Amino acid sequence: MAGWEDNKVASMCYIPFVGWVFGIVTLASERFRKARDVRFHAFQGLYVFVLFLIISWVFEPIAHGNPVTARINDLLHLVVIGTGVFMLVKTRQGEMIRLPFLGELAEKSVLEQK
């Protein structure tokens, strides 16, 4: 990641299912210790992944067996994955988008790191 642009590294944190690895590596990297925007996207990408896990571990067992709640569960998964893809594209284009609630958490996480 040494030669990568900041927005490329930040966008990698939103890759569905594996972006969390890039987020952790980015947060642990000395190169991005002072890159506030990259760290923000790393935290926000991690929080998007945590939301996916919460849906998978909490709502999915509840939804199991009922066709209506199973469809809602599928829709929630699609929304979170779609959000990750949307953020990947927008971040790669250099746009700074703060997701509701998750963006606030990411901002607080970046500020606590100083």
C-alpha atoms as a PDB file:
ATOM      1  CA  MET A   1       0.000   0.000   0.000  1.00  0.00           C
ATOM      2  CA  ALA A   2       3.050   2.242   0.057  1.00  0.00           C
ATOM      3  CA  GLY A   3       2.529   3.678  -3.427  1.00  0.00           C
ATOM      4  CA  TRP A   4      -1.257   3.831  -3.355  1.00  0.00           C
ATOM      5  CA  GLU A   5      -3.251   7.065  -3.324  1.00  0.00           C
ATOM      6  CA  ASP A   6      -5.129   7.832  -0.110  1.00  0.00           C
ATOM      7  CA  ASN A   7      -8.577   7.570  -1.725  1.00  0.00           C
ATOM      8  CA  LYS A   8      -7.686   4.161  -3.190  1.00  0.00           C
ATOM      9  CA  VAL A   9      -6.671   2.840   0.219  1.00  0.00           C
ATOM     10  CA  ALA A  10      -9.778   4.365   1.818  1.00  0.00           C
ATOM     11  CA  SER A  11     -12.066   2.823  -0.803  1.00  0.00           C
ATOM     12  CA  MET A  12     -10.601  -0.646  -0.220  1.00  0.00           C
ATOM     13  CA  CYS A  13     -12.013  -0.516   3.330  1.00  0.00           C
ATOM     14  CA  TYR A  14     -15.529  -0.829   1.865  1.00  0.00           C
ATOM     15  CA  ILE A  15     -15.053  -4.001  -0.205  1.00  0.00           C
ATOM     16  CA  PRO A  16     -17.898  -6.306   0.879  1.00  0.00           C
ATOM     17  CA  PHE A  17     -16.812  -9.215   3.097  1.00  0.00           C
ATOM     18  CA  VAL A  18     -13.044  -8.439   3.039  1.00  0.00           C
ATOM     19  CA  GLY A  19     -12.869  -4.661   3.473  1.00  0.00           C
ATOM     20  CA  TRP A  20     -12.516  -5.087   7.227  1.00  0.00           C
ATOM     21  CA  VAL A  21      -9.031  -6.533   6.637  1.00  0.00           C
ATOM     22  CA  PHE A  22      -7.999  -3.383   4.746  1.00  0.00           C
ATOM     23  CA  GLY A  23      -9.548  -1.284   7.520  1.00  0.00           C
ATOM     24  CA  ILE A  24      -7.500  -2.968  10.231  1.00  0.00           C
ATOM     25  CA  VAL A  25      -4.301  -2.840   8.189  1.00  0.00           C
ATOM     26  CA  THR A  26      -4.906   0.847   7.425  1.00  0.00           C
ATOM     27  CA  LEU A  27      -5.513   1.710  11.071  1.00  0.00           C
ATOM     28  CA  ALA A  28      -2.385  -0.202  12.109  1.00  0.00           C
ATOM     29  CA  SER A  29      -0.224   1.335   9.386  1.00  0.00           C
ATOM     30  CA  GLU A  30       2.261   4.016  10.368  1.00  0.00           C
ATOM     31  CA  ARG A  31       1.801   5.679   6.969  1.00  0.00           C
ATOM     32  CA  PHE A  32      -1.833   6.556   7.700  1.00  0.00           C
ATOM     33  CA  ARG A  33      -1.358   7.513  11.354  1.00  0.00           C
ATOM     34  CA  LYS A  34      -1.946  11.222  10.494  1.00  0.00           C
ATOM     35  CA  ALA A  35      -4.251  10.756   7.450  1.00  0.00           C
ATOM     36  CA  ARG A  36      -7.537  11.744   9.062  1.00  0.00           C
ATOM     37  CA  ASP A  37      -9.770  11.055   6.035  1.00  0.00           C
ATOM     38  CA  VAL A  38      -8.272   7.619   5.385  1.00  0.00           C
ATOM     39  CA  ARG A  39      -8.657   6.689   9.043  1.00  0.00           C
ATOM     40  CA  PHE A  40     -12.261   7.933   8.968  1.00  0.00           C
ATOM     41  CA  HIS A  41     -13.059   5.634   6.025  1.00  0.00           C
ATOM     42  CA  ALA A  42     -11.250   2.720   7.692  1.00  0.00           C
ATOM     43  CA  PHE A  43     -13.402   3.111  10.802  1.00  0.00           C
ATOM     44  CA  GLN A  44     -16.605   3.673   8.838  1.00  0.00           C
ATOM     45  CA  GLY A  45     -15.853   0.607   6.674  1.00  0.00           C
ATOM     46  CA  LEU A  46     -15.326  -1.458   9.815  1.00  0.00           C
ATOM     47  CA  TYR A  47     -18.642  -0.237  11.206  1.00  0.00           C
ATOM     48  CA  VAL A  48     -20.432  -1.182   7.970  1.00  0.00           C
ATOM     49  CA  PHE A  49     -18.979  -4.677   8.339  1.00  0.00           C
ATOM     50  CA  VAL A  50     -20.046  -4.838  11.997  1.00  0.00           C
ATOM     51  CA  LEU A  51     -23.574  -3.902  10.908  1.00  0.00           C
ATOM     52  CA  PHE A  52     -23.488  -6.793   8.435  1.00  0.00           C
ATOM     53  CA  LEU A  53     -22.374  -9.137  11.234  1.00  0.00           C
ATOM     54  CA  ILE A  54     -25.123  -7.916  13.551  1.00  0.00           C
ATOM     55  CA  ILE A  55     -27.734  -8.608  10.876  1.00  0.00           C
ATOM     56  CA  SER A  56     -26.210 -12.041  10.224  1.00  0.00           C
ATOM     57  CA  TRP A  57     -25.819 -13.111  13.845  1.00  0.00           C
ATOM     58  CA  VAL A  58     -28.860 -11.501  15.443  1.00  0.00           C
ATOM     59  CA  PHE A  59     -31.597 -11.032  12.880  1.00  0.00           C
ATOM     60  CA  GLU A  60     -30.917 -14.060  10.677  1.00  0.00           C
ATOM     61  CA  PRO A  61     -31.591 -16.644  13.430  1.00  0.00           C
ATOM     62  CA  ILE A  62     -34.795 -14.807  14.311  1.00  0.00           C
ATOM     63  CA  ALA A  63     -35.845 -14.681  10.649  1.00  0.00           C
ATOM     64  CA  HIS A  64     -35.157 -18.379  10.083  1.00  0.00           C
ATOM     65  CA  GLY A  65     -38.341 -20.296   9.358  1.00  0.00           C
ATOM     66  CA  ASN A  66     -40.607 -17.377   8.542  1.00  0.00           C
ATOM     67  CA  PRO A  67     -40.714 -16.426   4.844  1.00  0.00           C
ATOM     68  CA  VAL A  68     -41.585 -12.768   5.526  1.00  0.00           C
ATOM     69  CA  THR A  69     -38.775 -12.164   8.001  1.00  0.00           C
ATOM     70  CA  ALA A  70     -36.394 -14.187   5.819  1.00  0.00           C
ATOM     71  CA  ARG A  71     -37.091 -11.773   2.939  1.00  0.00           C
ATOM     72  CA  ILE A  72     -36.558  -8.806   5.257  1.00  0.00           C
ATOM     73  CA  ASN A  73     -33.274 -10.351   6.354  1.00  0.00           C
ATOM     74  CA  ASP A  74     -32.216 -10.784   2.713  1.00  0.00           C
ATOM     75  CA  LEU A  75     -33.174  -7.181   1.994  1.00  0.00           C
ATOM     76  CA  LEU A  76     -31.155  -5.915   4.964  1.00  0.00           C
ATOM     77  CA  HIS A  77     -28.109  -7.859   3.767  1.00  0.00           C
ATOM     78  CA  LEU A  78     -28.506  -6.397   0.276  1.00  0.00           C
ATOM     79  CA  VAL A  79     -28.805  -2.874   1.658  1.00  0.00           C
ATOM     80  CA  VAL A  80     -25.605  -3.223   3.691  1.00  0.00           C
ATOM     81  CA  ILE A  81     -23.682  -4.796   0.790  1.00  0.00           C
ATOM     82  CA  GLY A  82     -25.048  -2.125  -1.564  1.00  0.00           C
ATOM     83  CA  THR A  83     -23.970   0.576   0.878  1.00  0.00           C
ATOM     84  CA  GLY A  84     -20.469  -0.890   0.918  1.00  0.00           C
ATOM     85  CA  VAL A  85     -20.275  -0.910  -2.880  1.00  0.00           C
ATOM     86  CA  PHE A  86     -21.680   2.622  -3.081  1.00  0.00           C
ATOM     87  CA  MET A  87     -19.135   3.857  -0.541  1.00  0.00           C
ATOM     88  CA  LEU A  88     -16.327   2.047  -2.356  1.00  0.00           C
ATOM     89  CA  VAL A  89     -17.154   3.860  -5.605  1.00  0.00           C
ATOM     90  CA  LYS A  90     -17.734   7.285  -4.046  1.00  0.00           C
ATOM     91  CA  THR A  91     -14.624   7.117  -1.877  1.00  0.00           C
ATOM     92  CA  ARG A  92     -12.512   6.044  -4.849  1.00  0.00           C
ATOM     93  CA  GLN A  93     -13.825   9.129  -6.694  1.00  0.00           C
ATOM     94  CA  GLY A  94     -12.597  11.277  -3.808  1.00  0.00           C
ATOM     95  CA  GLU A  95     -15.977  12.102  -2.270  1.00  0.00           C
ATOM     96  CA  MET A  96     -16.316  12.291   1.494  1.00  0.00           C
ATOM     97  CA  ILE A  97     -19.633  10.743   2.519  1.00  0.00           C
ATOM     98  CA  ARG A  98     -20.601  10.302   6.149  1.00  0.00           C
ATOM     99  CA  LEU A  99     -23.213   7.637   6.661  1.00  0.00           C
ATOM    100  CA  PRO A 100     -25.906   8.363   9.229  1.00  0.00           C
ATOM    101  CA  PHE A 101     -24.921   7.115  12.694  1.00  0.00           C
ATOM    102  CA  LEU A 102     -21.935   5.088  11.397  1.00  0.00           C
ATOM    103  CA  GLY A 103     -20.255   8.266  10.161  1.00  0.00           C
ATOM    104  CA  GLU A 104     -20.692   9.855  13.576  1.00  0.00           C
ATOM    105  CA  LEU A 105     -19.140   6.797  15.241  1.00  0.00           C
ATOM    106  CA  ALA A 106     -16.235   6.866  12.790  1.00  0.00           C
ATOM    107  CA  GLU A 107     -15.676  10.587  13.408  1.00  0.00           C
ATOM    108  CA  LYS A 108     -15.597  10.016  17.172  1.00  0.00           C
ATOM    109  CA  SER A 109     -13.189   7.119  16.715  1.00  0.00           C
ATOM    110  CA  VAL A 110     -10.812   9.272  14.673  1.00  0.00           C
ATOM    111  CA  LEU A 111     -10.960  12.080  17.214  1.00  0.00           C
ATOM    112  CA  GLU A 112     -10.258   9.688  20.111  1.00  0.00           C
ATOM    113  CA  GLN A 113      -7.077   8.541  18.387  1.00  0.00           C
ATOM    114  CA  LYS A 114      -5.335  11.931  18.686  1.00  0.00           C
END
